[in-house]
Amino acid sequence: KFSTFGFESPEALINLFKQNKGSDTALKESHYKKMTQIMHTLMHKNLGYISALYVEPNHLCAGVFFMEWQGRITFLFSAADDLGKENHAMTKILDEFFILQSGKPLLFDFEGSNIPNLARFYKGFGAEVETYQNYKRNLLPIPGSIIQKLF
């Protein structure tokens, strides 16, 4: 069903999200612009990358933006269209990702979700709930400081 794995631009991934989920969210154009900036900055610093899945003929149906830093990979952003959802494209992307990363000492962070179906999907990959405390002062090194400056 799927033709290839590939790599896309942040704009393509965000447009896929906007076309398929954007109207269901309260996100504004400024949010999308900031996310695009974050993705480009992380990619430029070799701290982020996109994994995308296509169907014939060259149709982007799903993609994920991963951020990697100090042995931690964060599932930062994702999008899929109806064809991607029907064919479980996100499961395929993550399955291939975990196969490629197996044996490496990495921590994978789904970054959580308050959406029950999404939380259940993550749990299917062995995700565990972790509570994070909130603290305003930013003394984080890159990439945290980069993300903070953009907001």
N, C-alpha and C. Protein backbone atom coordinates (compact mmCIF):
# COMPACT_ATOMS: atom_id res chain seq x y z
N LYS A 1 0.81 -1.19 0.00
CA LYS A 1 0.00 0.00 0.00
C LYS A 1 0.86 1.26 0.00
N PHE A 2 1.96 1.23 0.77
CA PHE A 2 2.83 2.39 0.83
C PHE A 2 3.94 2.23 -0.19
N SER A 3 4.31 3.34 -0.79
CA SER A 3 5.37 3.26 -1.78
C SER A 3 6.75 3.46 -1.18
N THR A 4 6.95 4.53 -0.42
CA THR A 4 8.29 4.79 0.09
C THR A 4 8.24 5.58 1.39
N PHE A 5 9.36 5.47 2.10
CA PHE A 5 9.64 6.38 3.21
C PHE A 5 10.43 7.51 2.61
N GLY A 6 10.30 8.68 3.18
CA GLY A 6 11.06 9.80 2.68
C GLY A 6 11.17 10.88 3.73
N PHE A 7 11.74 11.97 3.30
CA PHE A 7 11.94 13.11 4.18
C PHE A 7 11.28 14.31 3.53
N GLU A 8 10.57 15.08 4.31
CA GLU A 8 9.81 16.22 3.80
C GLU A 8 10.28 17.50 4.46
N SER A 9 9.77 18.59 3.95
CA SER A 9 10.04 19.88 4.55
C SER A 9 9.06 20.12 5.70
N PRO A 10 9.44 20.96 6.66
CA PRO A 10 8.49 21.31 7.72
C PRO A 10 7.19 21.89 7.16
N GLU A 11 7.28 22.70 6.10
CA GLU A 11 6.08 23.29 5.51
C GLU A 11 5.12 22.22 5.00
N ALA A 12 5.65 21.19 4.35
CA ALA A 12 4.79 20.12 3.83
C ALA A 12 4.10 19.37 4.96
N LEU A 13 4.83 19.10 6.04
CA LEU A 13 4.25 18.39 7.17
C LEU A 13 3.18 19.24 7.85
N ILE A 14 3.46 20.51 8.04
CA ILE A 14 2.48 21.40 8.67
C ILE A 14 1.26 21.60 7.78
N ASN A 15 1.45 21.71 6.48
CA ASN A 15 0.30 21.83 5.56
C ASN A 15 -0.56 20.58 5.60
N LEU A 16 0.07 19.41 5.69
CA LEU A 16 -0.69 18.17 5.81
C LEU A 16 -1.55 18.20 7.08
N PHE A 17 -0.99 18.69 8.18
CA PHE A 17 -1.74 18.81 9.42
C PHE A 17 -2.89 19.80 9.26
N LYS A 18 -2.59 20.98 8.73
CA LYS A 18 -3.61 22.02 8.57
C LYS A 18 -4.78 21.53 7.72
N GLN A 19 -4.49 20.81 6.64
CA GLN A 19 -5.53 20.33 5.73
C GLN A 19 -6.40 19.25 6.36
N ASN A 20 -5.84 18.50 7.32
CA ASN A 20 -6.55 17.34 7.84
C ASN A 20 -7.01 17.46 9.29
N LYS A 21 -6.40 18.32 10.06
CA LYS A 21 -6.75 18.44 11.47
C LYS A 21 -6.89 19.89 11.91
N GLY A 22 -6.39 20.81 11.12
CA GLY A 22 -6.33 22.22 11.49
C GLY A 22 -7.65 22.83 11.91
N SER A 23 -8.73 22.49 11.23
CA SER A 23 -10.03 23.08 11.56
C SER A 23 -10.59 22.55 12.88
N ASP A 24 -10.05 21.44 13.38
CA ASP A 24 -10.49 20.86 14.65
C ASP A 24 -9.73 21.43 15.85
N THR A 25 -8.78 22.32 15.60
CA THR A 25 -7.95 22.87 16.67
C THR A 25 -8.16 24.38 16.80
N ALA A 26 -7.61 24.92 17.86
CA ALA A 26 -7.67 26.37 18.07
C ALA A 26 -6.37 27.03 17.64
N LEU A 27 -5.57 26.31 16.86
CA LEU A 27 -4.28 26.85 16.43
C LEU A 27 -4.47 27.97 15.42
N LYS A 28 -3.64 28.99 15.55
CA LYS A 28 -3.66 30.13 14.63
C LYS A 28 -2.47 30.02 13.69
N GLU A 29 -2.49 30.85 12.65
CA GLU A 29 -1.40 30.85 11.68
C GLU A 29 -0.06 31.15 12.36
N SER A 30 -0.09 31.99 13.39
CA SER A 30 1.15 32.31 14.11
C SER A 30 1.74 31.07 14.80
N HIS A 31 0.87 30.16 15.26
CA HIS A 31 1.36 28.92 15.88
C HIS A 31 2.07 28.06 14.84
N TYR A 32 1.47 27.96 13.65
CA TYR A 32 2.09 27.17 12.58
C TYR A 32 3.43 27.77 12.16
N LYS A 33 3.48 29.09 12.11
CA LYS A 33 4.72 29.77 11.74
C LYS A 33 5.82 29.49 12.76
N LYS A 34 5.47 29.55 14.04
CA LYS A 34 6.45 29.26 15.09
C LYS A 34 6.93 27.82 15.02
N MET A 35 6.00 26.89 14.80
CA MET A 35 6.40 25.48 14.70
C MET A 35 7.31 25.26 13.50
N THR A 36 7.03 25.92 12.40
CA THR A 36 7.90 25.83 11.22
C THR A 36 9.29 26.35 11.57
N GLN A 37 9.37 27.47 12.27
CA GLN A 37 10.67 28.02 12.67
C GLN A 37 11.42 27.06 13.59
N ILE A 38 10.71 26.47 14.53
CA ILE A 38 11.34 25.51 15.44
C ILE A 38 11.90 24.34 14.66
N MET A 39 11.11 23.79 13.75
CA MET A 39 11.56 22.64 12.96
C MET A 39 12.79 22.99 12.13
N HIS A 40 12.74 24.13 11.44
CA HIS A 40 13.88 24.52 10.61
C HIS A 40 15.13 24.73 11.46
N THR A 41 14.99 25.37 12.61
CA THR A 41 16.13 25.60 13.48
C THR A 41 16.73 24.29 13.97
N LEU A 42 15.88 23.38 14.43
CA LEU A 42 16.37 22.09 14.91
C LEU A 42 17.02 21.28 13.79
N MET A 43 16.45 21.33 12.59
CA MET A 43 17.04 20.61 11.46
C MET A 43 18.39 21.22 11.09
N HIS A 44 18.47 22.53 11.11
CA HIS A 44 19.73 23.21 10.78
C HIS A 44 20.84 22.83 11.76
N LYS A 45 20.47 22.59 13.01
CA LYS A 45 21.44 22.23 14.03
C LYS A 45 21.59 20.71 14.16
N ASN A 46 21.02 19.96 13.22
CA ASN A 46 21.06 18.50 13.21
C ASN A 46 20.48 17.90 14.49
N LEU A 47 19.45 18.54 15.01
CA LEU A 47 18.77 18.06 16.20
C LEU A 47 17.35 17.59 15.91
N GLY A 48 16.91 17.70 14.67
CA GLY A 48 15.56 17.30 14.31
C GLY A 48 15.49 16.80 12.89
N TYR A 49 14.52 15.93 12.64
CA TYR A 49 14.32 15.39 11.29
C TYR A 49 12.89 14.90 11.13
N ILE A 50 12.50 14.79 9.87
CA ILE A 50 11.15 14.36 9.53
C ILE A 50 11.22 13.00 8.85
N SER A 51 10.33 12.13 9.25
CA SER A 51 10.15 10.85 8.57
C SER A 51 8.75 10.87 7.99
N ALA A 52 8.64 10.62 6.70
CA ALA A 52 7.34 10.72 6.02
C ALA A 52 7.05 9.44 5.25
N LEU A 53 5.79 9.20 5.01
CA LEU A 53 5.36 8.01 4.29
C LEU A 53 4.49 8.45 3.11
N TYR A 54 4.73 7.82 1.98
CA TYR A 54 4.04 8.16 0.74
C TYR A 54 3.29 6.95 0.20
N VAL A 55 2.25 7.23 -0.58
CA VAL A 55 1.57 6.21 -1.36
C VAL A 55 1.67 6.64 -2.82
N GLU A 56 1.44 5.70 -3.70
CA GLU A 56 1.52 6.00 -5.14
C GLU A 56 0.45 7.01 -5.53
N PRO A 57 0.65 7.88 -6.40
CA PRO A 57 1.94 8.31 -6.97
C PRO A 57 2.47 9.53 -6.21
N ASN A 58 3.44 9.35 -5.39
CA ASN A 58 4.10 10.44 -4.66
C ASN A 58 3.16 11.26 -3.79
N HIS A 59 2.25 10.62 -3.14
CA HIS A 59 1.27 11.31 -2.28
C HIS A 59 1.71 11.20 -0.82
N LEU A 60 2.04 12.33 -0.19
CA LEU A 60 2.39 12.36 1.21
C LEU A 60 1.14 12.07 2.04
N CYS A 61 1.15 10.97 2.80
CA CYS A 61 -0.04 10.61 3.58
C CYS A 61 0.20 10.73 5.09
N ALA A 62 1.46 10.77 5.52
CA ALA A 62 1.74 10.91 6.95
C ALA A 62 3.19 11.30 7.16
N GLY A 63 3.43 11.95 8.29
CA GLY A 63 4.80 12.32 8.62
C GLY A 63 4.93 12.66 10.10
N VAL A 64 6.15 12.55 10.59
CA VAL A 64 6.46 12.83 11.99
C VAL A 64 7.73 13.67 12.06
N PHE A 65 7.73 14.65 12.95
CA PHE A 65 8.95 15.40 13.23
C PHE A 65 9.50 14.89 14.56
N PHE A 66 10.75 14.40 14.52
CA PHE A 66 11.44 13.92 15.71
C PHE A 66 12.52 14.92 16.09
N MET A 67 12.68 15.15 17.38
CA MET A 67 13.77 15.96 17.90
C MET A 67 14.67 15.01 18.70
N GLU A 68 15.98 15.08 18.44
CA GLU A 68 16.91 14.20 19.14
C GLU A 68 17.99 15.03 19.83
N TRP A 69 18.16 14.75 21.13
CA TRP A 69 19.18 15.48 21.88
C TRP A 69 19.58 14.68 23.10
N GLN A 70 20.86 14.47 23.26
CA GLN A 70 21.45 13.78 24.40
C GLN A 70 20.75 12.46 24.72
N GLY A 71 20.59 11.62 23.71
CA GLY A 71 20.03 10.29 23.91
C GLY A 71 18.52 10.24 24.11
N ARG A 72 17.85 11.36 23.88
CA ARG A 72 16.40 11.41 24.02
C ARG A 72 15.80 11.83 22.68
N ILE A 73 14.85 11.05 22.20
CA ILE A 73 14.15 11.38 20.97
C ILE A 73 12.72 11.73 21.33
N THR A 74 12.29 12.92 20.90
CA THR A 74 10.95 13.40 21.21
C THR A 74 10.10 13.45 19.95
N PHE A 75 8.95 12.84 20.03
CA PHE A 75 7.93 12.85 18.97
C PHE A 75 7.25 14.22 19.08
N LEU A 76 7.76 15.20 18.33
CA LEU A 76 7.36 16.58 18.53
C LEU A 76 6.10 16.98 17.77
N PHE A 77 5.91 16.44 16.57
CA PHE A 77 4.78 16.87 15.74
C PHE A 77 4.48 15.77 14.72
N SER A 78 3.19 15.60 14.40
CA SER A 78 2.83 14.60 13.39
C SER A 78 1.59 15.03 12.63
N ALA A 79 1.40 14.43 11.48
CA ALA A 79 0.22 14.70 10.66
C ALA A 79 -0.06 13.49 9.77
N ALA A 80 -1.33 13.30 9.47
CA ALA A 80 -1.74 12.23 8.55
C ALA A 80 -3.05 12.64 7.90
N ASP A 81 -3.21 12.22 6.65
CA ASP A 81 -4.49 12.45 5.98
C ASP A 81 -5.37 11.22 6.15
N ASP A 82 -6.55 11.23 5.55
CA ASP A 82 -7.49 10.11 5.70
C ASP A 82 -6.90 8.81 5.18
N LEU A 83 -6.19 8.86 4.07
CA LEU A 83 -5.57 7.65 3.51
C LEU A 83 -4.51 7.11 4.46
N GLY A 84 -3.74 8.00 5.05
CA GLY A 84 -2.74 7.59 6.03
C GLY A 84 -3.38 6.95 7.26
N LYS A 85 -4.48 7.54 7.71
CA LYS A 85 -5.18 7.00 8.89
C LYS A 85 -5.78 5.63 8.58
N GLU A 86 -6.44 5.51 7.43
CA GLU A 86 -7.06 4.24 7.04
C GLU A 86 -6.05 3.11 6.95
N ASN A 87 -4.83 3.45 6.53
CA ASN A 87 -3.80 2.43 6.32
C ASN A 87 -2.77 2.37 7.45
N HIS A 88 -3.08 3.02 8.56
CA HIS A 88 -2.23 2.97 9.76
C HIS A 88 -0.80 3.42 9.47
N ALA A 89 -0.69 4.51 8.74
CA ALA A 89 0.62 5.02 8.34
C ALA A 89 1.48 5.42 9.55
N MET A 90 0.87 6.01 10.56
CA MET A 90 1.64 6.43 11.73
C MET A 90 2.24 5.22 12.44
N THR A 91 1.49 4.14 12.53
CA THR A 91 2.00 2.91 13.12
C THR A 91 3.19 2.41 12.31
N LYS A 92 3.08 2.46 11.00
CA LYS A 92 4.18 2.01 10.12
C LYS A 92 5.42 2.88 10.31
N ILE A 93 5.24 4.20 10.37
CA ILE A 93 6.39 5.10 10.56
C ILE A 93 7.09 4.79 11.88
N LEU A 94 6.31 4.67 12.96
CA LEU A 94 6.91 4.41 14.26
C LEU A 94 7.54 3.02 14.33
N ASP A 95 6.89 2.03 13.75
CA ASP A 95 7.44 0.68 13.72
C ASP A 95 8.80 0.67 13.02
N GLU A 96 8.88 1.29 11.86
CA GLU A 96 10.15 1.37 11.12
C GLU A 96 11.19 2.15 11.92
N PHE A 97 10.76 3.22 12.57
CA PHE A 97 11.67 4.01 13.38
C PHE A 97 12.26 3.17 14.51
N PHE A 98 11.42 2.45 15.23
CA PHE A 98 11.89 1.64 16.35
C PHE A 98 12.80 0.51 15.88
N ILE A 99 12.52 -0.05 14.73
CA ILE A 99 13.40 -1.09 14.18
C ILE A 99 14.77 -0.50 13.87
N LEU A 100 14.80 0.67 13.23
CA LEU A 100 16.08 1.31 12.89
C LEU A 100 16.87 1.74 14.13
N GLN A 101 16.18 2.09 15.20
CA GLN A 101 16.84 2.58 16.41
C GLN A 101 17.10 1.48 17.44
N SER A 102 16.63 0.26 17.17
CA SER A 102 16.76 -0.81 18.17
C SER A 102 18.23 -1.07 18.49
N GLY A 103 18.48 -1.37 19.73
CA GLY A 103 19.84 -1.63 20.17
C GLY A 103 20.62 -0.40 20.58
N LYS A 104 20.06 0.78 20.33
CA LYS A 104 20.73 2.03 20.71
C LYS A 104 20.21 2.48 22.07
N PRO A 105 21.08 3.05 22.90
CA PRO A 105 20.63 3.50 24.23
C PRO A 105 19.89 4.83 24.16
N LEU A 106 18.65 4.80 23.71
CA LEU A 106 17.86 6.01 23.54
C LEU A 106 16.60 5.95 24.38
N LEU A 107 16.14 7.11 24.78
CA LEU A 107 14.85 7.24 25.45
C LEU A 107 13.90 7.89 24.46
N PHE A 108 12.76 7.27 24.23
CA PHE A 108 11.78 7.82 23.29
C PHE A 108 10.66 8.48 24.08
N ASP A 109 10.37 9.73 23.76
CA ASP A 109 9.36 10.52 24.45
C ASP A 109 8.23 10.86 23.48
N PHE A 110 7.04 10.30 23.73
CA PHE A 110 5.88 10.60 22.89
C PHE A 110 5.35 12.01 23.15
N GLU A 111 5.80 12.65 24.19
CA GLU A 111 5.40 13.99 24.60
C GLU A 111 3.94 14.05 25.04
N GLY A 112 3.33 12.93 25.27
CA GLY A 112 2.03 12.85 25.90
C GLY A 112 0.86 13.39 25.09
N SER A 113 -0.31 13.11 25.62
CA SER A 113 -1.53 13.62 25.02
C SER A 113 -2.68 13.49 26.01
N ASN A 114 -3.53 14.51 26.02
CA ASN A 114 -4.76 14.46 26.82
C ASN A 114 -5.91 13.89 26.01
N ILE A 115 -5.65 13.57 24.75
CA ILE A 115 -6.66 12.98 23.88
C ILE A 115 -6.66 11.47 24.11
N PRO A 116 -7.76 10.90 24.62
CA PRO A 116 -7.77 9.47 25.00
C PRO A 116 -7.33 8.52 23.88
N ASN A 117 -7.83 8.70 22.66
CA ASN A 117 -7.44 7.78 21.58
C ASN A 117 -5.95 7.86 21.26
N LEU A 118 -5.40 9.06 21.32
CA LEU A 118 -3.98 9.24 21.06
C LEU A 118 -3.14 8.64 22.18
N ALA A 119 -3.55 8.85 23.42
CA ALA A 119 -2.85 8.26 24.56
C ALA A 119 -2.88 6.73 24.47
N ARG A 120 -4.01 6.16 24.05
CA ARG A 120 -4.13 4.71 23.88
C ARG A 120 -3.20 4.22 22.76
N PHE A 121 -3.11 4.98 21.67
CA PHE A 121 -2.21 4.64 20.58
C PHE A 121 -0.76 4.60 21.08
N TYR A 122 -0.35 5.61 21.82
CA TYR A 122 1.01 5.66 22.36
C TYR A 122 1.26 4.49 23.32
N LYS A 123 0.25 4.18 24.14
CA LYS A 123 0.39 3.08 25.10
C LYS A 123 0.62 1.75 24.37
N GLY A 124 0.07 1.62 23.17
CA GLY A 124 0.27 0.41 22.38
C GLY A 124 1.73 0.18 22.01
N PHE A 125 2.54 1.23 22.08
CA PHE A 125 3.98 1.11 21.82
C PHE A 125 4.76 0.98 23.12
N GLY A 126 4.05 0.84 24.24
CA GLY A 126 4.71 0.68 25.52
C GLY A 126 4.91 1.98 26.28
N ALA A 127 4.29 3.06 25.83
CA ALA A 127 4.45 4.35 26.51
C ALA A 127 3.90 4.29 27.93
N GLU A 128 4.57 5.01 28.82
CA GLU A 128 4.13 5.12 30.19
C GLU A 128 3.87 6.59 30.51
N VAL A 129 2.90 6.85 31.36
CA VAL A 129 2.57 8.22 31.76
C VAL A 129 3.67 8.74 32.67
N GLU A 130 4.13 9.95 32.38
CA GLU A 130 5.13 10.61 33.21
C GLU A 130 4.68 12.05 33.43
N THR A 131 4.68 12.48 34.68
CA THR A 131 4.26 13.83 35.01
C THR A 131 5.47 14.74 35.07
N TYR A 132 5.35 15.90 34.44
CA TYR A 132 6.43 16.89 34.44
C TYR A 132 5.99 18.10 35.24
N GLN A 133 6.90 18.60 36.04
CA GLN A 133 6.63 19.82 36.79
C GLN A 133 6.86 21.02 35.89
N ASN A 134 6.19 22.13 36.17
CA ASN A 134 6.32 23.34 35.37
C ASN A 134 7.12 24.38 36.15
N TYR A 135 8.16 24.92 35.49
CA TYR A 135 9.00 25.93 36.10
C TYR A 135 9.32 26.96 35.04
N LYS A 136 9.12 28.24 35.31
CA LYS A 136 9.21 29.28 34.29
C LYS A 136 10.63 29.67 33.88
N ARG A 137 11.59 29.68 34.77
CA ARG A 137 12.94 30.15 34.47
C ARG A 137 13.61 29.23 33.46
N ASN A 138 14.19 29.82 32.40
CA ASN A 138 14.80 29.03 31.33
C ASN A 138 16.32 29.09 31.43
N LEU A 139 16.90 28.04 31.95
CA LEU A 139 18.35 27.88 31.98
C LEU A 139 18.75 26.69 31.11
N LEU A 140 17.85 26.31 30.21
CA LEU A 140 18.09 25.13 29.38
C LEU A 140 19.13 25.38 28.31
N PRO A 141 19.95 24.38 28.05
CA PRO A 141 20.85 24.48 26.90
C PRO A 141 20.07 24.22 25.62
N ILE A 142 20.72 24.33 24.50
CA ILE A 142 20.09 24.01 23.20
C ILE A 142 19.56 22.59 23.29
N PRO A 143 18.41 22.19 22.78
CA PRO A 143 17.49 22.94 21.95
C PRO A 143 16.41 23.67 22.75
N GLY A 144 16.35 23.44 24.07
CA GLY A 144 15.32 24.08 24.87
C GLY A 144 15.35 25.59 24.79
N SER A 145 16.54 26.16 24.81
CA SER A 145 16.64 27.63 24.75
C SER A 145 16.20 28.17 23.41
N ILE A 146 16.42 27.40 22.35
CA ILE A 146 15.98 27.81 21.00
C ILE A 146 14.46 27.87 20.95
N ILE A 147 13.84 26.84 21.46
CA ILE A 147 12.38 26.78 21.43
C ILE A 147 11.81 27.91 22.28
N GLN A 148 12.38 28.17 23.44
CA GLN A 148 11.89 29.23 24.33
C GLN A 148 11.97 30.59 23.66
N LYS A 149 13.06 30.87 22.95
CA LYS A 149 13.23 32.18 22.28
C LYS A 149 12.18 32.41 21.21
N LEU A 150 11.72 31.35 20.57
CA LEU A 150 10.74 31.50 19.49
C LEU A 150 9.35 31.79 20.02
N PHE A 151 9.10 31.50 21.27
CA PHE A 151 7.78 31.78 21.86
C PHE A 151 7.86 33.06 22.63
